[in-house]
Amino acid sequence: MTGMKDWTVVVPARADVKETARALLALADSPADVRTDGNGHEFLVPPYLADRYNESLRPKPRRRAKKDEEDE
């Protein structure tokens, strides 16, 4: 396990604290990997979880509908 100094701080907007907590816990290998800091308005997470969380925030590429040959 990595030391606490290797952990990443996640700072959500105040309105999104509960939503961020739920998302981090859903992505974590263990609930112990999500720790609160900053009076409960920041989260300390290990690097693997920070990567997963950042990846989950990226917009998914949109698929374009295939054109029918008749439309061309």
PDB file of N, CA and C in Angstrom:
ATOM      1  N   MET A   1       0.851  -1.189   0.000  1.00  0.00           N
ATOM      2  CA  MET A   1       0.000   0.000   0.000  1.00  0.00           C
ATOM      3  C   MET A   1       0.886   1.238   0.000  1.00  0.00           C
ATOM      4  N   THR A   2       0.440   2.265  -0.668  1.00  0.00           N
ATOM      5  CA  THR A   2       1.222   3.489  -0.747  1.00  0.00           C
ATOM      6  C   THR A   2       1.033   4.311   0.519  1.00  0.00           C
ATOM      7  N   GLY A   3       2.020   5.150   0.833  1.00  0.00           N
ATOM      8  CA  GLY A   3       1.907   6.033   1.983  1.00  0.00           C
ATOM      9  C   GLY A   3       0.922   7.149   1.713  1.00  0.00           C
ATOM     10  N   MET A   4       0.458   7.780   2.779  1.00  0.00           N
ATOM     11  CA  MET A   4      -0.523   8.859   2.629  1.00  0.00           C
ATOM     12  C   MET A   4       0.021  10.012   1.791  1.00  0.00           C
ATOM     13  N   LYS A   5       1.339  10.232   1.808  1.00  0.00           N
ATOM     14  CA  LYS A   5       1.889  11.349   1.043  1.00  0.00           C
ATOM     15  C   LYS A   5       1.726  11.137  -0.463  1.00  0.00           C
ATOM     16  N   ASP A   6       1.495   9.898  -0.882  1.00  0.00           N
ATOM     17  CA  ASP A   6       1.293   9.591  -2.292  1.00  0.00           C
ATOM     18  C   ASP A   6      -0.163   9.771  -2.723  1.00  0.00           C
ATOM     19  N   TRP A   7      -1.045   9.985  -1.778  1.00  0.00           N
ATOM     20  CA  TRP A   7      -2.458  10.081  -2.099  1.00  0.00           C
ATOM     21  C   TRP A   7      -2.775  11.419  -2.751  1.00  0.00           C
ATOM     22  N   THR A   8      -3.883  11.461  -3.469  1.00  0.00           N
ATOM     23  CA  THR A   8      -4.317  12.640  -4.213  1.00  0.00           C
ATOM     24  C   THR A   8      -5.511  13.272  -3.511  1.00  0.00           C
ATOM     25  N   VAL A   9      -5.556  14.589  -3.519  1.00  0.00           N
ATOM     26  CA  VAL A   9      -6.696  15.313  -2.936  1.00  0.00           C
ATOM     27  C   VAL A   9      -7.710  15.580  -4.048  1.00  0.00           C
ATOM     28  N   VAL A  10      -8.961  15.213  -3.799  1.00  0.00           N
ATOM     29  CA  VAL A  10     -10.070  15.504  -4.714  1.00  0.00           C
ATOM     30  C   VAL A  10     -10.930  16.557  -4.030  1.00  0.00           C
ATOM     31  N   VAL A  11     -11.108  17.703  -4.689  1.00  0.00           N
ATOM     32  CA  VAL A  11     -11.881  18.801  -4.115  1.00  0.00           C
ATOM     33  C   VAL A  11     -13.096  19.064  -5.012  1.00  0.00           C
ATOM     34  N   PRO A  12     -14.249  18.545  -4.625  1.00  0.00           N
ATOM     35  CA  PRO A  12     -15.452  18.805  -5.426  1.00  0.00           C
ATOM     36  C   PRO A  12     -16.051  20.168  -5.088  1.00  0.00           C
ATOM     37  N   ALA A  13     -16.919  20.644  -5.959  1.00  0.00           N
ATOM     38  CA  ALA A  13     -17.700  21.841  -5.631  1.00  0.00           C
ATOM     39  C   ALA A  13     -18.566  21.497  -4.424  1.00  0.00           C
ATOM     40  N   ARG A  14     -18.821  22.464  -3.579  1.00  0.00           N
ATOM     41  CA  ARG A  14     -19.577  22.188  -2.342  1.00  0.00           C
ATOM     42  C   ARG A  14     -20.909  21.490  -2.618  1.00  0.00           C
ATOM     43  N   ALA A  15     -21.563  21.840  -3.671  1.00  0.00           N
ATOM     44  CA  ALA A  15     -22.860  21.238  -4.001  1.00  0.00           C
ATOM     45  C   ALA A  15     -22.717  19.781  -4.442  1.00  0.00           C
ATOM     46  N   ASP A  16     -21.512  19.377  -4.828  1.00  0.00           N
ATOM     47  CA  ASP A  16     -21.303  18.033  -5.359  1.00  0.00           C
ATOM     48  C   ASP A  16     -20.597  17.091  -4.395  1.00  0.00           C
ATOM     49  N   VAL A  17     -20.483  17.438  -3.119  1.00  0.00           N
ATOM     50  CA  VAL A  17     -19.721  16.620  -2.175  1.00  0.00           C
ATOM     51  C   VAL A  17     -20.316  15.221  -2.045  1.00  0.00           C
ATOM     52  N   LYS A  18     -21.625  15.117  -1.834  1.00  0.00           N
ATOM     53  CA  LYS A  18     -22.256  13.794  -1.678  1.00  0.00           C
ATOM     54  C   LYS A  18     -22.132  12.968  -2.956  1.00  0.00           C
ATOM     55  N   GLU A  19     -22.366  13.603  -4.089  1.00  0.00           N
ATOM     56  CA  GLU A  19     -22.272  12.906  -5.374  1.00  0.00           C
ATOM     57  C   GLU A  19     -20.844  12.406  -5.617  1.00  0.00           C
ATOM     58  N   THR A  20     -19.863  13.235  -5.288  1.00  0.00           N
ATOM     59  CA  THR A  20     -18.463  12.847  -5.458  1.00  0.00           C
ATOM     60  C   THR A  20     -18.114  11.700  -4.531  1.00  0.00           C
ATOM     61  N   ALA A  21     -18.578  11.760  -3.291  1.00  0.00           N
ATOM     62  CA  ALA A  21     -18.324  10.669  -2.335  1.00  0.00           C
ATOM     63  C   ALA A  21     -18.897   9.357  -2.857  1.00  0.00           C
ATOM     64  N   ARG A  22     -20.110   9.395  -3.364  1.00  0.00           N
ATOM     65  CA  ARG A  22     -20.725   8.167  -3.899  1.00  0.00           C
ATOM     66  C   ARG A  22     -19.938   7.622  -5.085  1.00  0.00           C
ATOM     67  N   ALA A  23     -19.515   8.518  -5.975  1.00  0.00           N
ATOM     68  CA  ALA A  23     -18.759   8.092  -7.159  1.00  0.00           C
ATOM     69  C   ALA A  23     -17.418   7.479  -6.754  1.00  0.00           C
ATOM     70  N   LEU A  24     -16.712   8.123  -5.820  1.00  0.00           N
ATOM     71  CA  LEU A  24     -15.420   7.596  -5.380  1.00  0.00           C
ATOM     72  C   LEU A  24     -15.586   6.234  -4.721  1.00  0.00           C
ATOM     73  N   LEU A  25     -16.589   6.090  -3.864  1.00  0.00           N
ATOM     74  CA  LEU A  25     -16.807   4.805  -3.191  1.00  0.00           C
ATOM     75  C   LEU A  25     -17.176   3.705  -4.184  1.00  0.00           C
ATOM     76  N   ALA A  26     -17.926   4.057  -5.212  1.00  0.00           N
ATOM     77  CA  ALA A  26     -18.303   3.062  -6.228  1.00  0.00           C
ATOM     78  C   ALA A  26     -17.090   2.600  -7.035  1.00  0.00           C
ATOM     79  N   LEU A  27     -16.119   3.480  -7.237  1.00  0.00           N
ATOM     80  CA  LEU A  27     -14.932   3.162  -8.037  1.00  0.00           C
ATOM     81  C   LEU A  27     -13.802   2.527  -7.221  1.00  0.00           C
ATOM     82  N   ALA A  28     -13.859   2.653  -5.902  1.00  0.00           N
ATOM     83  CA  ALA A  28     -12.770   2.195  -5.034  1.00  0.00           C
ATOM     84  C   ALA A  28     -12.754   0.677  -4.876  1.00  0.00           C
ATOM     85  N   ASP A  29     -11.547   0.129  -4.736  1.00  0.00           N
ATOM     86  CA  ASP A  29     -11.414  -1.299  -4.426  1.00  0.00           C
ATOM     87  C   ASP A  29     -11.888  -1.574  -3.005  1.00  0.00           C
ATOM     88  N   SER A  30     -11.751  -0.598  -2.131  1.00  0.00           N
ATOM     89  CA  SER A  30     -12.143  -0.725  -0.732  1.00  0.00           C
ATOM     90  C   SER A  30     -12.642   0.633  -0.243  1.00  0.00           C
ATOM     91  N   PRO A  31     -13.684   0.652   0.601  1.00  0.00           N
ATOM     92  CA  PRO A  31     -14.145   1.925   1.152  1.00  0.00           C
ATOM     93  C   PRO A  31     -13.049   2.645   1.949  1.00  0.00           C
ATOM     94  N   ALA A  32     -12.088   1.903   2.464  1.00  0.00           N
ATOM     95  CA  ALA A  32     -10.983   2.504   3.221  1.00  0.00           C
ATOM     96  C   ALA A  32     -10.083   3.364   2.334  1.00  0.00           C
ATOM     97  N   ASP A  33     -10.224   3.233   1.016  1.00  0.00           N
ATOM     98  CA  ASP A  33      -9.427   4.019   0.081  1.00  0.00           C
ATOM     99  C   ASP A  33      -9.985   5.428  -0.145  1.00  0.00           C
ATOM    100  N   VAL A  34     -11.114   5.735   0.471  1.00  0.00           N
ATOM    101  CA  VAL A  34     -11.714   7.074   0.345  1.00  0.00           C
ATOM    102  C   VAL A  34     -11.743   7.682   1.743  1.00  0.00           C
ATOM    103  N   ARG A  35     -10.921   8.686   1.939  1.00  0.00           N
ATOM    104  CA  ARG A  35     -10.841   9.356   3.241  1.00  0.00           C
ATOM    105  C   ARG A  35     -11.218  10.811   3.080  1.00  0.00           C
ATOM    106  N   THR A  36     -11.883  11.349   4.104  1.00  0.00           N
ATOM    107  CA  THR A  36     -12.274  12.756   4.047  1.00  0.00           C
ATOM    108  C   THR A  36     -11.204  13.628   4.680  1.00  0.00           C
ATOM    109  N   ASP A  37     -11.167  14.852   4.220  1.00  0.00           N
ATOM    110  CA  ASP A  37     -10.233  15.853   4.722  1.00  0.00           C
ATOM    111  C   ASP A  37     -10.911  17.204   4.545  1.00  0.00           C
ATOM    112  N   GLY A  38     -10.351  18.246   5.076  1.00  0.00           N
ATOM    113  CA  GLY A  38     -10.922  19.582   4.875  1.00  0.00           C
ATOM    114  C   GLY A  38     -12.335  19.696   5.394  1.00  0.00           C
ATOM    115  N   ASN A  39     -12.574  19.213   6.621  1.00  0.00           N
ATOM    116  CA  ASN A  39     -13.916  19.242   7.231  1.00  0.00           C
ATOM    117  C   ASN A  39     -14.947  18.499   6.392  1.00  0.00           C
ATOM    118  N   GLY A  40     -14.533  17.448   5.733  1.00  0.00           N
ATOM    119  CA  GLY A  40     -15.464  16.638   4.954  1.00  0.00           C
ATOM    120  C   GLY A  40     -15.768  17.168   3.573  1.00  0.00           C
ATOM    121  N   HIS A  41     -15.072  18.221   3.153  1.00  0.00           N
ATOM    122  CA  HIS A  41     -15.324  18.803   1.829  1.00  0.00           C
ATOM    123  C   HIS A  41     -14.244  18.456   0.823  1.00  0.00           C
ATOM    124  N   GLU A  42     -13.279  17.640   1.234  1.00  0.00           N
ATOM    125  CA  GLU A  42     -12.216  17.158   0.347  1.00  0.00           C
ATOM    126  C   GLU A  42     -12.041  15.672   0.616  1.00  0.00           C
ATOM    127  N   PHE A  43     -11.500  14.983  -0.369  1.00  0.00           N
ATOM    128  CA  PHE A  43     -11.265  13.555  -0.227  1.00  0.00           C
ATOM    129  C   PHE A  43      -9.813  13.238  -0.532  1.00  0.00           C
ATOM    130  N   LEU A  44      -9.236  12.331   0.235  1.00  0.00           N
ATOM    131  CA  LEU A  44      -7.903  11.806  -0.042  1.00  0.00           C
ATOM    132  C   LEU A  44      -8.082  10.416  -0.625  1.00  0.00           C
ATOM    133  N   VAL A  45      -7.497  10.197  -1.788  1.00  0.00           N
ATOM    134  CA  VAL A  45      -7.640   8.897  -2.455  1.00  0.00           C
ATOM    135  C   VAL A  45      -6.277   8.453  -2.992  1.00  0.00           C
ATOM    136  N   PRO A  46      -6.064   7.134  -3.102  1.00  0.00           N
ATOM    137  CA  PRO A  46      -4.812   6.656  -3.690  1.00  0.00           C
ATOM    138  C   PRO A  46      -4.771   6.948  -5.182  1.00  0.00           C
ATOM    139  N   PRO A  47      -3.583   6.927  -5.766  1.00  0.00           N
ATOM    140  CA  PRO A  47      -3.431   7.268  -7.189  1.00  0.00           C
ATOM    141  C   PRO A  47      -4.325   6.456  -8.134  1.00  0.00           C
ATOM    142  N   TYR A  48      -4.487   5.153  -7.889  1.00  0.00           N
ATOM    143  CA  TYR A  48      -5.321   4.351  -8.803  1.00  0.00           C
ATOM    144  C   TYR A  48      -6.751   4.879  -8.832  1.00  0.00           C
ATOM    145  N   LEU A  49      -7.246   5.304  -7.677  1.00  0.00           N
ATOM    146  CA  LEU A  49      -8.620   5.781  -7.589  1.00  0.00           C
ATOM    147  C   LEU A  49      -8.762   7.169  -8.217  1.00  0.00           C
ATOM    148  N   ALA A  50      -7.762   8.008  -8.052  1.00  0.00           N
ATOM    149  CA  ALA A  50      -7.780   9.326  -8.711  1.00  0.00           C
ATOM    150  C   ALA A  50      -7.837   9.145 -10.223  1.00  0.00           C
ATOM    151  N   ASP A  51      -7.068   8.187 -10.741  1.00  0.00           N
ATOM    152  CA  ASP A  51      -7.083   7.912 -12.187  1.00  0.00           C
ATOM    153  C   ASP A  51      -8.453   7.424 -12.636  1.00  0.00           C
ATOM    154  N   ARG A  52      -9.037   6.495 -11.896  1.00  0.00           N
ATOM    155  CA  ARG A  52     -10.371   5.977 -12.251  1.00  0.00           C
ATOM    156  C   ARG A  52     -11.412   7.095 -12.221  1.00  0.00           C
ATOM    157  N   TYR A  53     -11.335   7.934 -11.194  1.00  0.00           N
ATOM    158  CA  TYR A  53     -12.308   9.015 -11.058  1.00  0.00           C
ATOM    159  C   TYR A  53     -12.181  10.010 -12.206  1.00  0.00           C
ATOM    160  N   ASN A  54     -10.961  10.397 -12.526  1.00  0.00           N
ATOM    161  CA  ASN A  54     -10.747  11.329 -13.646  1.00  0.00           C
ATOM    162  C   ASN A  54     -11.240  10.731 -14.951  1.00  0.00           C
ATOM    163  N   GLU A  55     -10.998   9.450 -15.149  1.00  0.00           N
ATOM    164  CA  GLU A  55     -11.456   8.777 -16.371  1.00  0.00           C
ATOM    165  C   GLU A  55     -12.988   8.769 -16.437  1.00  0.00           C
ATOM    166  N   SER A  56     -13.635   8.600 -15.293  1.00  0.00           N
ATOM    167  CA  SER A  56     -15.100   8.563 -15.273  1.00  0.00           C
ATOM    168  C   SER A  56     -15.715   9.928 -15.593  1.00  0.00           C
ATOM    169  N   LEU A  57     -14.946  10.998 -15.415  1.00  0.00           N
ATOM    170  CA  LEU A  57     -15.451  12.347 -15.691  1.00  0.00           C
ATOM    171  C   LEU A  57     -15.304  12.761 -17.146  1.00  0.00           C
ATOM    172  N   ARG A  58     -14.480  12.051 -17.878  1.00  0.00           N
ATOM    173  CA  ARG A  58     -14.279  12.407 -19.296  1.00  0.00           C
ATOM    174  C   ARG A  58     -15.525  12.088 -20.091  1.00  0.00           C
ATOM    175  N   PRO A  59     -15.906  12.986 -20.974  1.00  0.00           N
ATOM    176  CA  PRO A  59     -17.081  12.698 -21.806  1.00  0.00           C
ATOM    177  C   PRO A  59     -16.803  11.518 -22.734  1.00  0.00           C
ATOM    178  N   LYS A  60     -17.789  10.681 -22.861  1.00  0.00           N
ATOM    179  CA  LYS A  60     -17.663   9.528 -23.749  1.00  0.00           C
ATOM    180  C   LYS A  60     -17.827   9.998 -25.191  1.00  0.00           C
ATOM    181  N   PRO A  61     -17.040   9.434 -26.112  1.00  0.00           N
ATOM    182  CA  PRO A  61     -17.196   9.826 -27.519  1.00  0.00           C
ATOM    183  C   PRO A  61     -18.585   9.446 -28.024  1.00  0.00           C
ATOM    184  N   ARG A  62     -19.149  10.332 -28.810  1.00  0.00           N
ATOM    185  CA  ARG A  62     -20.477  10.051 -29.362  1.00  0.00           C
ATOM    186  C   ARG A  62     -20.331   9.319 -30.678  1.00  0.00           C
ATOM    187  N   ARG A  63     -21.204   8.363 -30.873  1.00  0.00           N
ATOM    188  CA  ARG A  63     -21.211   7.627 -32.143  1.00  0.00           C
ATOM    189  C   ARG A  63     -22.115   8.355 -33.104  1.00  0.00           C
ATOM    190  N   ARG A  64     -21.656   8.430 -34.326  1.00  0.00           N
ATOM    191  CA  ARG A  64     -22.487   9.033 -35.358  1.00  0.00           C
ATOM    192  C   ARG A  64     -23.348   7.947 -35.981  1.00  0.00           C
ATOM    193  N   ALA A  65     -24.544   8.321 -36.283  1.00  0.00           N
ATOM    194  CA  ALA A  65     -25.443   7.380 -36.950  1.00  0.00           C
ATOM    195  C   ALA A  65     -24.942   7.162 -38.377  1.00  0.00           C
ATOM    196  N   LYS A  66     -25.017   5.920 -38.806  1.00  0.00           N
ATOM    197  CA  LYS A  66     -24.605   5.617 -40.175  1.00  0.00           C
ATOM    198  C   LYS A  66     -25.652   6.141 -41.131  1.00  0.00           C
ATOM    199  N   LYS A  67     -25.194   6.738 -42.209  1.00  0.00           N
ATOM    200  CA  LYS A  67     -26.116   7.234 -43.221  1.00  0.00           C
ATOM    201  C   LYS A  67     -26.545   6.079 -44.107  1.00  0.00           C
ATOM    202  N   ASP A  68     -27.791   6.096 -44.450  1.00  0.00           N
ATOM    203  CA  ASP A  68     -28.272   5.098 -45.397  1.00  0.00           C
ATOM    204  C   ASP A  68     -27.780   5.492 -46.788  1.00  0.00           C
ATOM    205  N   GLU A  69     -27.574   4.503 -47.621  1.00  0.00           N
ATOM    206  CA  GLU A  69     -27.095   4.785 -48.980  1.00  0.00           C
ATOM    207  C   GLU A  69     -28.096   5.635 -49.757  1.00  0.00           C
ATOM    208  N   GLU A  70     -29.390   5.498 -49.391  1.00  0.00           N
ATOM    209  CA  GLU A  70     -30.432   6.252 -50.084  1.00  0.00           C
ATOM    210  C   GLU A  70     -30.300   7.749 -49.791  1.00  0.00           C
ATOM    211  N   ASP A  71     -29.773   8.112 -48.617  1.00  0.00           N
ATOM    212  CA  ASP A  71     -29.670   9.520 -48.218  1.00  0.00           C
ATOM    213  C   ASP A  71     -28.566  10.247 -48.959  1.00  0.00           C
ATOM    214  N   GLU A  72     -27.626   9.545 -49.564  1.00  0.00           N
ATOM    215  CA  GLU A  72     -26.485  10.168 -50.212  1.00  0.00           C
ATOM    216  C   GLU A  72     -26.793  10.681 -51.583  1.00  0.00           C
TER     217      GLU A  72
END
